Amino acid sequence: MLKIKNLEAGYGKLRVLKKISLHVEPGEIVTLIGANGAGKTTLLNTISGLIRASGGEITLKGENITKLAAEKIVARGCSLVPEGRQVFAPMSVRENLILGGYVQHAKGNKQFRDYLEHVFELFPVLRERQEQLAGTLSGGEQQMLAMGRALMARPALIMLDEPSTGLAPLVVKAIFGVIRQMRAEGNTVLLIEQNAKAALAVADRGYVLETGKIIVQGAAADLLANKDVQRAYLGREV
């Protein structure tokens, strides 16, 4: 589904990603864990075309997307749920969702209404509040809206950047339940999450990112059992 080889990117002269290589197979949930400033968000923004790579290659479903514009990457089947939700506050819930499905509408996809109904089935509260302004929703509801908006593009790969940030435990549990359901419905998921334990519990595999480099990778169960990972990211003294 996604293959990254020797990827480099940053901001001006600041090099953040340093020859990153990873892959995500169809139907997998893969998580990236690491401290703040490790380069996790920069990686997702580079994959999605918001930041231009300075080196390396990004391949999605066999196609090189390294130099494509962000909207073309969405049209190829890759959607990003950004950190901090970033919903369109002055617009209604329904308008946010419709905007998320623009690429499907532009293709003349006749199933557009079905996609909207599917999002409402995943997040019933969005159906109840579809005429409400997005900026008046709670943090958890805004996160659900951001995820629903990304799903409206019918992505093969959905990338989530810190979906649990600032949310109550019960809401976090619901969000991770939906992530599992996404995978069950055929989506491939690349997940960034500060809550490393929760991320590894839902993931098939994981990568540990430190100062722009991947330092550890493996099956999620192996990373959960790794003493260095436990000490650095799971809050355990070993």
Protein backbone atom coordinates (compact mmCIF):
# COMPACT_ATOMS: atom_id res chain seq x y z
CA MET A 1 0.00 0.00 0.00
CA LEU A 2 2.62 2.54 1.14
CA LYS A 3 6.38 2.31 0.68
CA ILE A 4 8.83 4.97 1.78
CA LYS A 5 12.50 4.78 0.89
CA ASN A 6 15.27 7.05 2.23
CA LEU A 7 12.84 9.93 2.75
CA GLU A 8 14.24 13.31 3.74
CA ALA A 9 12.26 16.46 4.51
CA GLY A 10 12.26 19.48 6.76
CA TYR A 11 11.70 23.19 6.99
CA GLY A 12 14.14 25.40 5.11
CA LYS A 13 17.63 24.39 6.14
CA LEU A 14 16.35 22.35 9.08
CA ARG A 15 16.44 18.66 8.15
CA VAL A 16 13.83 16.79 10.21
CA LEU A 17 13.48 13.43 8.45
CA LYS A 18 16.76 11.62 7.85
CA LYS A 19 16.55 8.79 5.32
CA ILE A 20 13.31 7.29 6.66
CA SER A 21 12.31 3.93 5.18
CA LEU A 22 9.12 2.08 6.10
CA HIS A 23 6.18 0.25 4.57
CA VAL A 24 2.50 -0.34 5.30
CA GLU A 25 0.80 -3.39 3.81
CA PRO A 26 -2.86 -3.36 2.68
CA GLY A 27 -5.22 -3.91 5.61
CA GLU A 28 -2.63 -3.20 8.30
CA ILE A 29 -2.68 -0.76 11.18
CA VAL A 30 0.86 0.54 11.58
CA THR A 31 1.78 2.99 14.32
CA LEU A 32 4.60 5.50 14.67
CA ILE A 33 5.62 6.32 18.22
CA GLY A 34 8.19 8.76 19.49
CA ALA A 35 8.72 11.83 21.63
CA ASN A 36 7.55 15.32 20.68
CA GLY A 37 9.84 16.71 18.01
CA ALA A 38 10.86 13.30 16.70
CA GLY A 39 9.45 14.08 13.24
CA LYS A 40 6.20 12.11 13.31
CA THR A 41 3.91 14.92 12.11
CA THR A 42 6.49 16.03 9.55
CA LEU A 43 6.45 12.51 8.13
CA LEU A 44 2.65 12.44 7.71
CA ASN A 45 2.65 15.95 6.23
CA THR A 46 5.33 14.91 3.74
CA ILE A 47 3.41 11.79 2.70
CA SER A 48 0.26 13.87 2.21
CA GLY A 49 2.06 16.50 0.11
CA LEU A 50 1.81 19.37 2.60
CA ILE A 51 5.61 19.39 2.88
CA ARG A 52 7.84 18.75 -0.12
CA ALA A 53 10.35 15.93 0.29
CA SER A 54 13.98 16.93 -0.28
CA GLY A 55 15.06 13.38 -0.99
CA GLY A 56 13.87 9.80 -1.21
CA GLU A 57 10.68 8.29 -2.58
CA ILE A 58 7.06 7.78 -1.50
CA THR A 59 5.02 5.13 -3.32
CA LEU A 60 1.27 4.66 -2.83
CA LYS A 61 -0.36 1.60 -4.41
CA GLY A 62 2.64 1.26 -6.71
CA GLU A 63 2.61 4.89 -7.91
CA ASN A 64 5.35 7.39 -7.06
CA ILE A 65 3.56 10.28 -5.33
CA THR A 66 6.65 12.07 -3.97
CA LYS A 67 6.14 15.21 -6.06
CA LEU A 68 2.35 15.23 -6.33
CA ALA A 69 0.26 18.09 -4.93
CA ALA A 70 -1.75 17.37 -1.78
CA GLU A 71 -5.13 17.32 -3.54
CA LYS A 72 -3.87 14.80 -6.08
CA ILE A 73 -2.61 12.55 -3.29
CA VAL A 74 -6.08 12.62 -1.72
CA ALA A 75 -7.55 11.70 -5.11
CA ARG A 76 -5.11 8.76 -5.27
CA GLY A 77 -6.57 7.37 -2.04
CA CYS A 78 -4.64 8.84 0.90
CA SER A 79 -6.40 10.99 3.53
CA LEU A 80 -4.94 12.73 6.59
CA VAL A 81 -6.72 13.40 9.88
CA PRO A 82 -4.50 16.24 11.13
CA GLU A 83 -3.30 16.89 14.64
CA GLY A 84 -5.67 19.19 16.51
CA ARG A 85 -8.69 18.19 14.37
CA GLN A 86 -8.64 21.41 12.26
CA VAL A 87 -12.32 21.30 11.39
CA PHE A 88 -13.83 24.24 9.52
CA ALA A 89 -15.37 25.96 12.54
CA PRO A 90 -17.80 28.39 10.78
CA MET A 91 -19.25 25.56 8.66
CA SER A 92 -21.82 22.98 9.73
CA VAL A 93 -20.98 19.36 10.46
CA ARG A 94 -22.67 18.32 7.23
CA GLU A 95 -20.78 20.93 5.20
CA ASN A 96 -17.47 19.73 6.65
CA LEU A 97 -18.30 16.16 5.61
CA ILE A 98 -19.40 17.16 2.12
CA LEU A 99 -16.18 19.11 1.67
CA GLY A 100 -14.22 16.02 2.71
CA GLY A 101 -15.92 14.07 -0.07
CA TYR A 102 -15.19 16.63 -2.77
CA VAL A 103 -12.79 14.35 -4.68
CA GLN A 104 -15.49 11.69 -4.96
CA HIS A 105 -18.11 14.25 -5.98
CA ALA A 106 -15.73 15.64 -8.64
CA LYS A 107 -15.37 12.14 -10.08
CA GLY A 108 -19.16 11.96 -10.42
CA ASN A 109 -19.38 9.12 -7.93
CA LYS A 110 -23.05 8.21 -7.56
CA GLN A 111 -22.51 6.68 -4.12
CA PHE A 112 -21.72 10.01 -2.45
CA ARG A 113 -24.86 9.92 -0.28
CA ASP A 114 -24.03 6.36 0.77
CA TYR A 115 -20.61 7.54 1.99
CA LEU A 116 -22.28 10.22 4.09
CA GLU A 117 -24.67 7.67 5.56
CA HIS A 118 -21.75 5.38 6.40
CA VAL A 119 -20.04 8.17 8.35
CA PHE A 120 -23.26 8.80 10.27
CA GLU A 121 -23.43 5.09 11.11
CA LEU A 122 -19.86 5.19 12.45
CA PHE A 123 -20.48 8.41 14.40
CA PRO A 124 -24.20 8.69 15.27
CA VAL A 125 -23.62 11.97 17.13
CA LEU A 126 -22.66 13.61 13.83
CA ARG A 127 -26.06 12.72 12.38
CA GLU A 128 -27.74 14.32 15.39
CA ARG A 129 -25.62 17.47 15.03
CA GLN A 130 -25.23 17.68 11.26
CA GLU A 131 -26.66 21.22 11.10
CA GLN A 132 -24.60 22.44 14.09
CA LEU A 133 -21.53 24.61 13.50
CA ALA A 134 -18.38 22.50 13.76
CA GLY A 135 -16.69 25.02 16.04
CA THR A 136 -19.35 24.50 18.71
CA LEU A 137 -18.74 20.75 19.03
CA SER A 138 -16.83 19.22 21.93
CA GLY A 139 -13.24 18.10 21.39
CA GLY A 140 -14.29 14.48 21.01
CA GLU A 141 -17.04 15.34 18.56
CA GLN A 142 -14.62 17.43 16.52
CA GLN A 143 -12.24 14.47 16.38
CA MET A 144 -15.06 12.27 15.12
CA LEU A 145 -15.88 14.92 12.51
CA ALA A 146 -12.25 15.13 11.38
CA MET A 147 -12.16 11.34 10.98
CA GLY A 148 -15.50 11.31 9.18
CA ARG A 149 -14.38 14.10 6.86
CA ALA A 150 -11.28 12.09 5.90
CA LEU A 151 -13.37 8.94 5.32
CA MET A 152 -15.66 10.82 2.93
CA ALA A 153 -12.83 10.76 0.36
CA ARG A 154 -13.00 6.93 0.48
CA PRO A 155 -9.27 6.54 1.13
CA ALA A 156 -7.39 3.28 0.78
CA LEU A 157 -4.91 4.67 3.33
CA ILE A 158 -6.01 6.88 6.21
CA MET A 159 -3.39 8.62 8.36
CA LEU A 160 -4.27 9.81 11.87
CA ASP A 161 -2.11 12.30 13.75
CA GLU A 162 -2.59 12.12 17.54
CA PRO A 163 -6.34 11.33 17.52
CA SER A 164 -6.57 10.98 21.32
CA THR A 165 -4.98 14.30 22.29
CA GLY A 166 -6.97 16.14 24.93
CA LEU A 167 -9.85 13.68 24.98
CA ALA A 168 -11.52 11.92 27.91
CA PRO A 169 -10.72 8.19 28.37
CA LEU A 170 -14.18 7.04 27.28
CA VAL A 171 -13.95 9.09 24.09
CA VAL A 172 -10.46 7.73 23.41
CA LYS A 173 -11.81 4.20 23.76
CA ALA A 174 -14.55 4.97 21.24
CA ILE A 175 -12.06 6.52 18.80
CA PHE A 176 -9.82 3.45 18.92
CA GLY A 177 -12.86 1.25 18.43
CA VAL A 178 -13.60 3.10 15.20
CA ILE A 179 -9.96 2.69 14.10
CA ARG A 180 -10.36 -1.07 14.48
CA GLN A 181 -13.60 -0.91 12.51
CA MET A 182 -11.89 1.05 9.73
CA ARG A 183 -9.41 -1.76 9.30
CA ALA A 184 -12.22 -4.35 9.39
CA GLU A 185 -13.91 -2.48 6.54
CA GLY A 186 -10.79 -2.59 4.38
CA ASN A 187 -8.99 0.63 5.24
CA THR A 188 -5.26 0.67 5.82
CA VAL A 189 -4.23 2.87 8.76
CA LEU A 190 -1.03 4.74 9.60
CA LEU A 191 -1.36 6.03 13.16
CA ILE A 192 0.65 8.55 15.15
CA GLU A 193 -0.21 8.50 18.82
CA GLN A 194 1.35 9.84 22.04
CA ASN A 195 -0.48 7.11 23.94
CA ALA A 196 2.00 4.45 22.81
CA LYS A 197 0.37 1.66 24.80
CA ALA A 198 -3.04 2.25 23.20
CA ALA A 199 -1.50 2.58 19.75
CA LEU A 200 0.50 -0.63 20.01
CA ALA A 201 -2.54 -2.46 21.41
CA VAL A 202 -4.51 -1.72 18.22
CA ALA A 203 -1.65 -1.94 15.70
CA ASP A 204 -0.18 -4.87 13.79
CA ARG A 205 3.30 -3.34 13.57
CA GLY A 206 5.11 -0.27 14.78
CA TYR A 207 8.08 2.00 14.20
CA VAL A 208 9.87 4.07 16.84
CA LEU A 209 11.03 7.44 15.55
CA GLU A 210 13.77 9.40 17.32
CA THR A 211 15.28 12.67 16.06
CA GLY A 212 14.14 12.00 12.52
CA LYS A 213 15.36 8.42 12.31
CA ILE A 214 13.69 5.04 12.80
CA ILE A 215 15.55 3.33 15.62
CA VAL A 216 13.31 0.30 16.29
CA GLN A 217 10.66 -1.51 14.28
CA GLY A 218 8.72 -4.74 14.62
CA ALA A 219 5.46 -6.43 15.49
CA ALA A 220 3.37 -4.43 17.95
CA ALA A 221 3.51 -7.22 20.54
CA ASP A 222 7.33 -7.27 20.31
CA LEU A 223 7.54 -3.51 20.81
CA LEU A 224 5.23 -3.71 23.82
CA ALA A 225 7.63 -6.27 25.32
CA ASN A 226 10.79 -4.33 24.40
CA LYS A 227 12.41 -3.03 27.60
CA ASP A 228 13.83 0.09 25.94
CA VAL A 229 10.44 0.95 24.46
CA GLN A 230 8.76 0.30 27.81
CA ARG A 231 11.18 2.60 29.60
CA ALA A 232 11.06 5.44 27.06
CA TYR A 233 7.46 5.41 25.86
CA LEU A 234 5.27 3.28 28.09
CA GLY A 235 6.11 4.86 31.43
CA ARG A 236 7.54 1.69 32.94
CA GLU A 237 10.72 1.29 34.92
CA VAL A 238 12.51 -1.88 33.92
